[in-house]
């Protein structure tokens, strides 16, 4: 869904000319959103959209790995052996 709230532009003095948004997903659930605003030349193309979608996938992977790493750090600092059976 694409939405540009013109009130935000009016309040900030910013002029939104073009907007491309992608969800950041972790394990199928939406975790966040990334967006690009005001392409320098022209409008966003299908190639831009596909490249940005790949970027959003990598953002999701990075965030997921950060969450896992933080979880493992908590286990280690609490003295739990995460890998023993």
N, C-alpha and C. Protein backbone atom coordinates (compact mmCIF):
# COMPACT_ATOMS: atom_id res chain seq x y z
N UNK A 1 0.84 -1.17 0.00
CA UNK A 1 0.00 0.00 0.00
C UNK A 1 0.89 1.24 0.00
N UNK A 2 0.54 2.18 -0.80
CA UNK A 2 1.30 3.41 -0.90
C UNK A 2 0.45 4.55 -0.37
N UNK A 3 1.00 5.31 0.54
CA UNK A 3 0.25 6.41 1.13
C UNK A 3 1.20 7.57 1.39
N UNK A 4 0.82 8.73 0.93
CA UNK A 4 1.61 9.92 1.20
C UNK A 4 0.69 10.90 1.91
N UNK A 5 0.92 11.12 3.16
CA UNK A 5 0.11 12.05 3.96
C UNK A 5 0.63 13.46 3.69
N UNK A 6 -0.10 14.21 2.91
CA UNK A 6 0.33 15.57 2.54
C UNK A 6 0.44 16.50 3.74
N UNK A 7 -0.26 16.19 4.81
CA UNK A 7 -0.16 17.01 6.02
C UNK A 7 1.25 16.99 6.59
N UNK A 8 1.92 15.85 6.48
CA UNK A 8 3.31 15.75 6.96
C UNK A 8 4.19 16.69 6.15
N UNK A 9 4.02 16.69 4.82
CA UNK A 9 4.78 17.61 3.97
C UNK A 9 4.51 19.06 4.35
N UNK A 10 3.25 19.36 4.61
CA UNK A 10 2.90 20.74 4.95
C UNK A 10 3.51 21.16 6.28
N UNK A 11 3.51 20.27 7.25
CA UNK A 11 4.05 20.60 8.58
C UNK A 11 5.57 20.72 8.56
N UNK A 12 6.23 19.87 7.76
CA UNK A 12 7.70 19.86 7.76
C UNK A 12 8.31 20.75 6.69
N UNK A 13 7.51 21.14 5.70
CA UNK A 13 8.06 21.91 4.61
C UNK A 13 8.76 21.05 3.57
N UNK A 14 8.69 19.75 3.75
CA UNK A 14 9.32 18.81 2.82
C UNK A 14 8.35 18.52 1.69
N UNK A 15 8.84 18.28 0.49
CA UNK A 15 7.97 17.95 -0.64
C UNK A 15 8.27 16.54 -1.12
N UNK A 16 7.33 15.65 -0.89
CA UNK A 16 7.46 14.26 -1.33
C UNK A 16 7.00 14.18 -2.78
N UNK A 17 7.93 13.76 -3.66
CA UNK A 17 7.61 13.63 -5.08
C UNK A 17 7.42 12.17 -5.47
N UNK A 18 8.22 11.29 -4.88
CA UNK A 18 8.10 9.85 -5.17
C UNK A 18 8.45 9.09 -3.90
N UNK A 19 7.83 7.92 -3.76
CA UNK A 19 7.97 7.15 -2.53
C UNK A 19 7.93 5.66 -2.87
N UNK A 20 8.87 4.90 -2.30
CA UNK A 20 8.89 3.45 -2.47
C UNK A 20 9.08 2.83 -1.10
N UNK A 21 8.15 1.98 -0.69
CA UNK A 21 8.19 1.35 0.64
C UNK A 21 8.19 -0.16 0.50
N UNK A 22 8.88 -0.83 1.41
CA UNK A 22 8.91 -2.29 1.44
C UNK A 22 8.83 -2.76 2.89
N UNK A 23 8.09 -3.84 3.13
CA UNK A 23 8.07 -4.40 4.48
C UNK A 23 9.36 -5.15 4.77
N UNK A 24 9.80 -5.11 6.01
CA UNK A 24 10.90 -5.95 6.48
C UNK A 24 10.24 -7.11 7.21
N UNK A 25 10.48 -8.31 6.72
CA UNK A 25 9.85 -9.49 7.30
C UNK A 25 10.88 -10.36 8.01
N UNK A 26 10.45 -10.90 9.14
CA UNK A 26 11.25 -11.89 9.86
C UNK A 26 10.35 -13.10 10.06
N UNK A 27 10.76 -14.21 9.45
CA UNK A 27 10.00 -15.45 9.53
C UNK A 27 8.53 -15.26 9.15
N UNK A 28 8.30 -14.50 8.10
CA UNK A 28 6.96 -14.31 7.57
C UNK A 28 6.14 -13.20 8.20
N UNK A 29 6.60 -12.65 9.32
CA UNK A 29 5.87 -11.57 9.98
C UNK A 29 6.54 -10.24 9.67
N UNK A 30 5.73 -9.21 9.51
CA UNK A 30 6.28 -7.89 9.25
C UNK A 30 6.88 -7.34 10.54
N UNK A 31 8.15 -6.97 10.46
CA UNK A 31 8.89 -6.48 11.62
C UNK A 31 9.10 -4.96 11.53
N UNK A 32 9.11 -4.45 10.31
CA UNK A 32 9.35 -3.03 10.11
C UNK A 32 9.15 -2.66 8.65
N UNK A 33 9.54 -1.45 8.30
CA UNK A 33 9.38 -0.94 6.94
C UNK A 33 10.61 -0.11 6.59
N UNK A 34 11.04 -0.23 5.35
CA UNK A 34 12.08 0.67 4.82
C UNK A 34 11.47 1.46 3.67
N UNK A 35 11.96 2.67 3.49
CA UNK A 35 11.40 3.47 2.41
C UNK A 35 12.47 4.33 1.76
N UNK A 36 12.25 4.60 0.49
CA UNK A 36 13.07 5.55 -0.26
C UNK A 36 12.14 6.68 -0.69
N UNK A 37 12.64 7.89 -0.60
CA UNK A 37 11.83 9.05 -0.92
C UNK A 37 12.57 9.91 -1.96
N UNK A 38 11.83 10.38 -2.94
CA UNK A 38 12.31 11.34 -3.94
C UNK A 38 13.52 10.86 -4.73
N UNK A 39 13.26 9.96 -5.66
CA UNK A 39 14.32 9.53 -6.59
C UNK A 39 14.86 10.76 -7.32
N UNK A 40 16.16 10.81 -7.48
CA UNK A 40 16.78 12.01 -8.07
C UNK A 40 16.30 12.29 -9.49
N UNK A 41 16.17 11.25 -10.30
CA UNK A 41 15.78 11.44 -11.70
C UNK A 41 14.64 10.49 -12.05
N UNK A 42 13.49 11.03 -12.34
CA UNK A 42 12.35 10.22 -12.75
C UNK A 42 11.62 9.60 -11.58
N UNK A 43 10.93 8.52 -11.87
CA UNK A 43 10.17 7.80 -10.85
C UNK A 43 10.81 6.45 -10.60
N UNK A 44 10.40 5.81 -9.53
CA UNK A 44 10.94 4.49 -9.21
C UNK A 44 10.48 3.48 -10.24
N UNK A 45 11.40 2.65 -10.69
CA UNK A 45 11.11 1.66 -11.74
C UNK A 45 10.91 0.28 -11.12
N UNK A 46 10.54 -0.66 -11.95
CA UNK A 46 10.39 -2.05 -11.51
C UNK A 46 11.75 -2.58 -11.02
N UNK A 47 12.83 -2.18 -11.67
CA UNK A 47 14.18 -2.58 -11.25
C UNK A 47 14.50 -2.02 -9.87
N UNK A 48 14.13 -0.76 -9.64
CA UNK A 48 14.31 -0.16 -8.31
C UNK A 48 13.54 -0.97 -7.26
N UNK A 49 12.31 -1.30 -7.61
CA UNK A 49 11.45 -2.06 -6.69
C UNK A 49 12.07 -3.42 -6.36
N UNK A 50 12.55 -4.13 -7.38
CA UNK A 50 13.14 -5.45 -7.16
C UNK A 50 14.42 -5.35 -6.34
N UNK A 51 15.26 -4.37 -6.62
CA UNK A 51 16.50 -4.19 -5.86
C UNK A 51 16.21 -3.83 -4.41
N UNK A 52 15.21 -2.97 -4.22
CA UNK A 52 14.85 -2.54 -2.87
C UNK A 52 14.23 -3.69 -2.08
N UNK A 53 13.50 -4.55 -2.78
CA UNK A 53 12.93 -5.73 -2.12
C UNK A 53 14.05 -6.65 -1.62
N UNK A 54 15.09 -6.81 -2.43
CA UNK A 54 16.26 -7.60 -2.00
C UNK A 54 16.91 -6.96 -0.78
N UNK A 55 17.05 -5.64 -0.80
CA UNK A 55 17.60 -4.91 0.34
C UNK A 55 16.77 -5.17 1.59
N UNK A 56 15.43 -5.12 1.46
CA UNK A 56 14.54 -5.35 2.60
C UNK A 56 14.71 -6.77 3.15
N UNK A 57 14.93 -7.75 2.28
CA UNK A 57 15.17 -9.13 2.72
C UNK A 57 16.45 -9.18 3.56
N UNK A 58 17.50 -8.53 3.09
CA UNK A 58 18.76 -8.52 3.85
C UNK A 58 18.62 -7.77 5.17
N UNK A 59 17.81 -6.73 5.19
CA UNK A 59 17.53 -6.04 6.46
C UNK A 59 16.87 -7.00 7.44
N UNK A 60 15.90 -7.77 6.96
CA UNK A 60 15.23 -8.75 7.80
C UNK A 60 16.18 -9.81 8.33
N UNK A 61 17.06 -10.29 7.46
CA UNK A 61 18.06 -11.28 7.90
C UNK A 61 18.99 -10.70 8.96
N UNK A 62 19.45 -9.48 8.74
CA UNK A 62 20.35 -8.84 9.71
C UNK A 62 19.66 -8.64 11.05
N UNK A 63 18.42 -8.19 11.03
CA UNK A 63 17.68 -7.99 12.28
C UNK A 63 17.41 -9.31 12.99
N UNK A 64 17.08 -10.34 12.22
CA UNK A 64 16.85 -11.66 12.82
C UNK A 64 18.13 -12.18 13.49
N UNK A 65 19.25 -12.05 12.79
CA UNK A 65 20.52 -12.52 13.36
C UNK A 65 20.91 -11.71 14.59
N UNK A 66 20.60 -10.42 14.59
CA UNK A 66 20.88 -9.58 15.76
C UNK A 66 20.04 -10.04 16.95
N UNK A 67 18.77 -10.38 16.69
CA UNK A 67 17.91 -10.87 17.77
C UNK A 67 18.42 -12.20 18.32
N UNK A 68 18.82 -13.10 17.43
CA UNK A 68 19.35 -14.40 17.85
C UNK A 68 20.63 -14.20 18.65
N UNK A 69 21.50 -13.33 18.16
CA UNK A 69 22.76 -13.06 18.85
C UNK A 69 22.51 -12.49 20.25
N UNK A 70 21.57 -11.57 20.35
CA UNK A 70 21.25 -10.99 21.66
C UNK A 70 20.69 -12.06 22.59
N UNK A 71 19.87 -12.95 22.06
CA UNK A 71 19.32 -14.04 22.86
C UNK A 71 20.44 -14.96 23.37
N UNK A 72 21.38 -15.28 22.48
CA UNK A 72 22.48 -16.14 22.88
C UNK A 72 23.38 -15.45 23.91
N UNK A 73 23.58 -14.15 23.77
CA UNK A 73 24.39 -13.41 24.74
C UNK A 73 23.74 -13.44 26.12
N UNK A 74 22.41 -13.33 26.16
CA UNK A 74 21.70 -13.39 27.44
C UNK A 74 21.89 -14.77 28.07
N UNK A 75 21.77 -15.82 27.26
CA UNK A 75 21.97 -17.18 27.77
C UNK A 75 23.38 -17.37 28.31
N UNK A 76 24.37 -16.87 27.59
CA UNK A 76 25.77 -17.03 28.01
C UNK A 76 26.02 -16.26 29.30
N UNK A 77 25.52 -15.02 29.37
CA UNK A 77 25.78 -14.22 30.56
C UNK A 77 25.04 -14.76 31.78
N UNK A 78 23.95 -15.48 31.55
CA UNK A 78 23.21 -16.07 32.66
C UNK A 78 23.79 -17.42 33.08
N UNK A 79 24.78 -17.90 32.34
CA UNK A 79 25.43 -19.15 32.69
C UNK A 79 24.78 -20.37 32.08
N UNK A 80 23.88 -20.19 31.12
CA UNK A 80 23.25 -21.33 30.47
C UNK A 80 24.13 -21.81 29.34
N UNK A 81 24.19 -23.10 29.18
CA UNK A 81 24.92 -23.69 28.06
C UNK A 81 23.89 -23.99 26.97
N UNK A 82 23.76 -23.09 26.01
CA UNK A 82 22.73 -23.18 24.98
C UNK A 82 22.90 -24.42 24.11
N UNK A 83 24.14 -24.89 23.96
CA UNK A 83 24.40 -25.96 23.00
C UNK A 83 24.42 -27.36 23.60
N UNK A 84 24.32 -27.50 24.92
CA UNK A 84 24.34 -28.86 25.48
C UNK A 84 22.95 -29.46 25.43
N UNK A 85 22.92 -30.78 25.38
CA UNK A 85 21.61 -31.43 25.27
C UNK A 85 21.10 -31.88 26.61
